[in-house]
């Protein structure tokens, strides 16, 4: 399924929109905070121009219906607070998500709210049957956000995360459509 590039998700407090090239300076600024890149698979760019290729790939994924990246902004305030993406993977009816919050905005519940709406998007619009995500063991904040949204541990991945040539342990978590529907029925 292809989603129009004008598609936007409105949460209670935030607006999730397709990335714009104007997001690059804010993304770049996030990568300059010490420790920010430690739990992200990609390395910190040396220049803003290095982020241009990733931006082009995100737009191509939208066009091909293979993945959807969103910039998170507070409603009425066009400042990048974070990013969240959901991408189709090989396993049938399964999508993978990744997310990060700008270091200046962490700890405010932004990603917990954004993730709940991305799950709705994934299960309702993309017809996902399962959505999964990873985290390195020390990234307890990411784990907490996922668990608040109903994700459950699937498996421990010994030395499954490589960063700067060093292997780290991680966890794979997932939520199935039936589990998500059950959570929704309680509200």
Foldseek 3Di string as FASTA:
>chain_A
DADDQQDWDDFPWKIWHADDLVCLVLVLVLLPDPPSCVWPQDHRDPDSVVCPVVSVVQVVCNVVVFKHKIFIDTVPGPDGQWMKMWGDDDPPLEIEMDIDGRPVNPPPCRLLRVVLRVVVCSCPVVVRFKYKYKTFPVPVVVVVSVVSQPWDWDDKAQQPRADPNGGTIMTMTMDGPVRNVVVVVVD
